[in-house]
């Protein structure tokens, strides 16, 4: 497959894949989503949801489980807290060894949270990884960073994220990758889509991102209201907002800043989500 081939799109036939590998950090690991029913020690997340949807549309004979069912071979190598360079260094060789025909590579968010991070250099790391994946013939799914405008903790990163996003769109065009437009999702501008730490998504947020990924891949969303804004909530009193902000700062912001100062990560001792591929079928 040529590296200049355009990304899949709704041109008649719905695209299908047989082997999907997800790479990334906590966003792809699925933090704050529900536990996976099949593996209660792990969280689900948008990539797992996407894999299930893709399995439902897998072409007959694309992949087979032990009992002969057709489906999608899926592995998720994501580890929370990982920087983009570490994602590429640790996860890309394992991903390519699995022989995927679709790879999602979403990272850079943890880098951009750091003062002085260079979005141009990060984009170079991402592009090198995309080139390596595309050279195998596999399709690539990327994602923009989310818009941090409404977050007191993350608002200062907005310019860096915007520059990085511009690079994501440009390199996707150059190499025929698909892009999940997380920045542009109206539904994610509502705090009800965000977990109490205000950094990770809720179950509803992960579901919406999975729908956006289906759209990006040319499969099409199965929920027509996937990006509709939620009904507005009644106004919150200023004193109540202040109490909520102080509680958030004590429970989440302060520990997070402490880990950054100590150059520690919540995923320092964690293995990848699941390296061993599983076969997902329409009944999974």
Protein backbone atom coordinates (compact mmCIF):
# COMPACT_ATOMS: atom_id res chain seq x y z
CA UNK A 1 0.00 0.00 0.00
CA UNK A 2 1.46 3.34 -1.03
CA UNK A 3 2.19 5.84 1.71
CA UNK A 4 0.37 8.45 -0.35
CA UNK A 5 -2.88 6.49 -0.53
CA UNK A 6 -5.75 8.55 0.91
CA UNK A 7 -7.28 7.37 4.17
CA UNK A 8 -10.32 5.12 4.05
CA UNK A 9 -13.57 6.94 3.52
CA UNK A 10 -17.22 6.39 2.68
CA UNK A 11 -16.80 5.65 -1.05
CA UNK A 12 -19.34 2.83 -1.29
CA UNK A 13 -17.82 -0.26 0.31
CA UNK A 14 -17.37 -0.03 4.07
CA UNK A 15 -13.71 -0.71 4.94
CA UNK A 16 -12.90 -3.72 7.10
CA UNK A 17 -9.80 -4.89 8.94
CA UNK A 18 -8.75 -8.23 10.38
CA UNK A 19 -5.91 -7.32 12.81
CA UNK A 20 -6.06 -4.14 14.91
CA UNK A 21 -3.38 -3.02 17.37
CA UNK A 22 -3.86 0.04 19.62
CA UNK A 23 -0.86 2.02 20.89
CA UNK A 24 -0.82 4.90 23.33
CA UNK A 25 -1.14 6.15 26.90
CA UNK A 26 -3.98 6.40 29.43
CA UNK A 27 -6.35 7.75 26.78
CA UNK A 28 -6.09 4.48 24.82
CA UNK A 29 -5.73 2.31 27.93
CA UNK A 30 -9.21 3.53 28.83
CA UNK A 31 -8.78 5.23 32.19
CA UNK A 32 -12.02 6.01 34.03
CA UNK A 33 -14.13 3.83 31.77
CA UNK A 34 -15.95 0.76 33.09
CA UNK A 35 -14.02 -2.48 33.67
CA UNK A 36 -13.89 -4.86 30.73
CA UNK A 37 -16.55 -7.55 31.41
CA UNK A 38 -14.22 -10.25 30.05
CA UNK A 39 -11.22 -8.95 32.05
CA UNK A 40 -12.44 -7.14 35.21
CA UNK A 41 -8.88 -6.16 36.19
CA UNK A 42 -8.68 -3.91 33.11
CA UNK A 43 -10.64 -0.89 32.01
CA UNK A 44 -12.41 -0.83 28.67
CA UNK A 45 -11.99 2.49 26.81
CA UNK A 46 -12.62 3.88 23.36
CA UNK A 47 -10.13 1.58 21.58
CA UNK A 48 -11.78 -1.54 23.01
CA UNK A 49 -15.20 -0.19 22.02
CA UNK A 50 -13.90 0.56 18.53
CA UNK A 51 -12.44 -2.94 18.22
CA UNK A 52 -15.80 -4.44 19.13
CA UNK A 53 -17.57 -2.35 16.50
CA UNK A 54 -14.98 -3.28 13.86
CA UNK A 55 -15.33 -6.96 14.77
CA UNK A 56 -19.04 -6.72 14.09
CA UNK A 57 -18.24 -5.60 10.54
CA UNK A 58 -15.24 -7.86 9.88
CA UNK A 59 -15.38 -9.62 6.54
CA UNK A 60 -16.02 -13.40 6.68
CA UNK A 61 -12.78 -15.32 6.87
CA UNK A 62 -10.72 -12.31 7.98
CA UNK A 63 -9.76 -13.91 11.30
CA UNK A 64 -10.70 -17.07 13.10
CA UNK A 65 -10.90 -18.03 16.73
CA UNK A 66 -10.30 -21.51 18.03
CA UNK A 67 -13.91 -22.51 17.42
CA UNK A 68 -13.90 -21.21 13.87
CA UNK A 69 -15.76 -17.93 14.35
CA UNK A 70 -14.82 -15.02 12.13
CA UNK A 71 -13.80 -11.81 13.85
CA UNK A 72 -11.10 -9.26 14.53
CA UNK A 73 -7.71 -9.99 16.10
CA UNK A 74 -7.08 -7.20 18.63
CA UNK A 75 -4.28 -6.18 20.98
CA UNK A 76 -3.94 -3.04 23.10
CA UNK A 77 -0.38 -2.08 24.09
CA UNK A 78 -1.23 1.23 25.80
CA UNK A 79 0.24 2.16 29.19
CA UNK A 80 -0.90 5.15 31.22
CA UNK A 81 1.56 8.01 31.68
CA UNK A 82 3.72 7.16 28.68
CA UNK A 83 5.44 9.91 26.70
CA UNK A 84 5.28 9.74 22.91
CA UNK A 85 8.92 8.73 22.46
CA UNK A 86 8.48 5.88 24.93
CA UNK A 87 5.28 4.77 23.20
CA UNK A 88 7.12 4.55 19.89
CA UNK A 89 10.22 2.91 21.38
CA UNK A 90 8.41 0.30 23.48
CA UNK A 91 5.13 -0.34 21.70
CA UNK A 92 5.81 0.07 17.98
CA UNK A 93 8.10 -2.98 17.57
CA UNK A 94 5.57 -5.14 19.42
CA UNK A 95 2.73 -3.74 17.35
CA UNK A 96 4.45 -4.43 14.03
CA UNK A 97 5.40 -7.94 15.16
CA UNK A 98 1.68 -8.73 15.44
CA UNK A 99 1.18 -8.10 11.71
CA UNK A 100 -1.70 -5.61 11.96
CA UNK A 101 -3.61 -4.12 9.06
CA UNK A 102 -4.83 -1.27 11.30
CA UNK A 103 -2.82 0.55 13.99
CA UNK A 104 -4.12 3.38 16.16
CA UNK A 105 -1.31 5.57 17.47
CA UNK A 106 -2.43 8.26 19.89
CA UNK A 107 0.12 9.99 22.09
CA UNK A 108 1.84 13.24 22.92
CA UNK A 109 -0.66 14.47 25.48
CA UNK A 110 1.61 13.74 28.43
CA UNK A 111 4.50 15.48 26.66
CA UNK A 112 2.45 18.59 25.95
CA UNK A 113 1.49 18.91 29.61
CA UNK A 114 5.13 19.63 30.41
CA UNK A 115 6.26 23.28 30.29
CA UNK A 116 8.72 23.86 27.49
CA UNK A 117 7.65 20.84 25.46
CA UNK A 118 8.21 21.19 21.71
CA UNK A 119 5.16 20.25 19.59
CA UNK A 120 7.22 20.48 16.38
CA UNK A 121 9.72 17.91 17.66
CA UNK A 122 6.90 15.70 18.92
CA UNK A 123 5.30 15.76 15.49
CA UNK A 124 8.57 14.56 14.00
CA UNK A 125 8.56 11.55 16.35
CA UNK A 126 4.96 10.82 15.41
CA UNK A 127 5.60 11.11 11.68
CA UNK A 128 8.56 8.73 11.81
CA UNK A 129 6.33 6.16 13.53
CA UNK A 130 3.55 6.64 10.99
CA UNK A 131 6.01 6.12 8.13
CA UNK A 132 7.19 2.85 9.71
CA UNK A 133 3.64 1.55 10.08
CA UNK A 134 2.55 2.62 6.60
CA UNK A 135 5.61 0.91 5.10
CA UNK A 136 4.08 -2.41 6.19
CA UNK A 137 0.86 -1.68 4.31
CA UNK A 138 -1.19 -1.16 7.48
CA UNK A 139 -3.66 1.68 7.86
CA UNK A 140 -3.04 4.22 10.62
CA UNK A 141 -5.53 5.96 12.89
CA UNK A 142 -4.32 9.11 14.69
CA UNK A 143 -6.14 11.56 16.94
CA UNK A 144 -5.83 15.23 17.71
CA UNK A 145 -5.37 16.47 21.23
CA UNK A 146 -8.46 17.66 23.05
CA UNK A 147 -9.22 21.37 23.41
CA UNK A 148 -8.18 22.34 26.97
CA UNK A 149 -9.87 25.76 26.87
CA UNK A 150 -12.30 24.91 29.66
CA UNK A 151 -9.74 23.35 32.02
CA UNK A 152 -8.03 25.53 34.64
CA UNK A 153 -5.14 23.06 34.88
CA UNK A 154 -4.61 22.48 31.17
CA UNK A 155 -5.57 25.81 29.59
CA UNK A 156 -1.94 26.94 29.46
CA UNK A 157 -1.16 24.06 27.09
CA UNK A 158 -3.73 25.13 24.49
CA UNK A 159 -1.28 26.80 22.08
CA UNK A 160 1.07 23.80 22.16
CA UNK A 161 -1.79 21.37 21.58
CA UNK A 162 -3.07 23.46 18.66
CA UNK A 163 0.34 23.44 16.95
CA UNK A 164 0.67 19.69 17.48
CA UNK A 165 -2.82 19.14 16.06
CA UNK A 166 -1.93 21.09 12.92
CA UNK A 167 1.02 18.75 12.44
CA UNK A 168 -1.22 15.71 12.97
CA UNK A 169 -3.56 16.78 10.18
CA UNK A 170 -0.66 17.60 7.85
CA UNK A 171 1.25 14.36 8.34
CA UNK A 172 -1.99 12.38 8.06
CA UNK A 173 -2.54 13.93 4.64
CA UNK A 174 1.03 13.19 3.58
CA UNK A 175 0.91 9.54 4.59
CA UNK A 176 -2.71 8.56 4.10
CA UNK A 177 -3.67 8.24 7.76
CA UNK A 178 -7.09 8.81 9.32
CA UNK A 179 -7.61 11.29 12.17
CA UNK A 180 -10.08 11.32 15.06
CA UNK A 181 -10.97 14.99 15.51
CA UNK A 182 -11.08 15.02 19.31
CA UNK A 183 -10.42 18.79 19.41
CA UNK A 184 -13.55 19.47 17.36
CA UNK A 185 -15.96 17.24 19.29
CA UNK A 186 -18.76 19.41 20.66
CA UNK A 187 -19.92 16.72 23.06
CA UNK A 188 -16.58 16.76 24.90
CA UNK A 189 -17.00 20.42 25.84
CA UNK A 190 -19.26 19.29 28.68
CA UNK A 191 -17.72 18.37 32.04
CA UNK A 192 -20.16 15.46 32.33
CA UNK A 193 -18.01 13.73 29.71
CA UNK A 194 -14.96 14.04 31.95
CA UNK A 195 -13.92 12.04 35.00
CA UNK A 196 -13.46 13.67 38.42
CA UNK A 197 -9.75 14.23 37.65
CA UNK A 198 -10.80 16.49 34.71
CA UNK A 199 -8.12 14.91 32.52
CA UNK A 200 -9.62 11.56 31.52
CA UNK A 201 -12.94 10.64 29.96
CA UNK A 202 -15.99 9.04 31.53
CA UNK A 203 -17.66 5.99 30.02
CA UNK A 204 -19.88 8.29 27.96
CA UNK A 205 -16.83 10.20 26.75
CA UNK A 206 -15.04 7.03 25.66
CA UNK A 207 -18.16 5.93 23.79
CA UNK A 208 -18.29 9.25 21.94
CA UNK A 209 -14.62 9.03 20.96
CA UNK A 210 -15.18 5.49 19.66
CA UNK A 211 -17.99 6.84 17.49
CA UNK A 212 -15.69 9.59 16.22
CA UNK A 213 -13.09 6.94 15.37
CA UNK A 214 -15.64 4.99 13.33
CA UNK A 215 -16.40 8.18 11.41
CA UNK A 216 -12.69 8.87 10.86
CA UNK A 217 -12.15 5.37 9.48
CA UNK A 218 -15.02 5.71 7.03
CA UNK A 219 -17.13 3.06 8.74
CA UNK A 220 -19.71 5.53 10.00
CA UNK A 221 -21.11 6.06 13.48
CA UNK A 222 -23.82 3.72 14.72
CA UNK A 223 -25.23 6.46 16.96
CA UNK A 224 -26.51 9.43 14.93
CA UNK A 225 -26.41 11.65 18.04
CA UNK A 226 -22.81 10.78 18.91
CA UNK A 227 -21.60 14.40 18.85
CA UNK A 228 -24.74 16.19 19.95
CA UNK A 229 -24.16 18.49 22.93
CA UNK A 230 -25.82 17.46 26.18
CA UNK A 231 -28.79 19.38 27.51
CA UNK A 232 -27.54 22.30 29.62
CA UNK A 233 -27.45 21.97 33.39
CA UNK A 234 -28.86 24.57 35.77
CA UNK A 235 -26.34 27.25 36.79
CA UNK A 236 -24.05 26.32 39.69
CA UNK A 237 -23.53 28.79 42.51
CA UNK A 238 -20.09 30.36 42.71
CA UNK A 239 -19.46 29.00 46.21
CA UNK A 240 -20.31 25.48 45.08
CA UNK A 241 -17.96 25.79 42.10
CA UNK A 242 -15.19 26.99 44.41
CA UNK A 243 -15.69 24.03 46.77
CA UNK A 244 -15.58 21.66 43.81
CA UNK A 245 -12.40 23.26 42.47
CA UNK A 246 -10.67 23.08 45.85
CA UNK A 247 -11.61 19.42 46.26
CA UNK A 248 -10.33 18.66 42.76
CA UNK A 249 -7.06 20.50 43.46
CA UNK A 250 -6.49 18.52 46.67
CA UNK A 251 -7.45 15.09 45.33
CA UNK A 252 -6.12 15.24 41.79
CA UNK A 253 -4.13 18.32 40.77
CA UNK A 254 -1.68 18.33 43.69
CA UNK A 255 -0.74 14.62 43.41
CA UNK A 256 -0.42 14.98 39.63
CA UNK A 257 1.93 17.97 39.97
CA UNK A 258 3.92 16.09 42.59
CA UNK A 259 4.49 13.17 40.22
CA UNK A 260 5.60 15.56 37.50
CA UNK A 261 8.13 17.22 39.84
CA UNK A 262 9.50 13.82 40.86
CA UNK A 263 9.54 12.72 37.21
CA UNK A 264 7.30 9.81 38.13
CA UNK A 265 4.37 8.39 36.23
CA UNK A 266 1.27 6.49 37.29
CA UNK A 267 2.26 3.82 34.77
CA UNK A 268 5.91 3.36 35.76
CA UNK A 269 5.44 -0.23 36.90
CA UNK A 270 2.47 -1.20 34.74
CA UNK A 271 2.66 -3.64 31.82
CA UNK A 272 0.81 -3.00 28.54
CA UNK A 273 -2.94 -3.45 28.68
CA UNK A 274 -2.92 -6.73 26.78
CA UNK A 275 -0.07 -7.80 24.52
CA UNK A 276 -1.56 -11.18 23.71
CA UNK A 277 -4.07 -10.68 20.89
CA UNK A 278 -7.67 -11.70 21.41
CA UNK A 279 -10.17 -12.59 18.70
CA UNK A 280 -13.31 -10.48 18.91
CA UNK A 281 -16.39 -11.75 17.12
CA UNK A 282 -19.77 -10.10 16.54
CA UNK A 283 -20.97 -12.02 19.62
CA UNK A 284 -18.04 -10.90 21.85
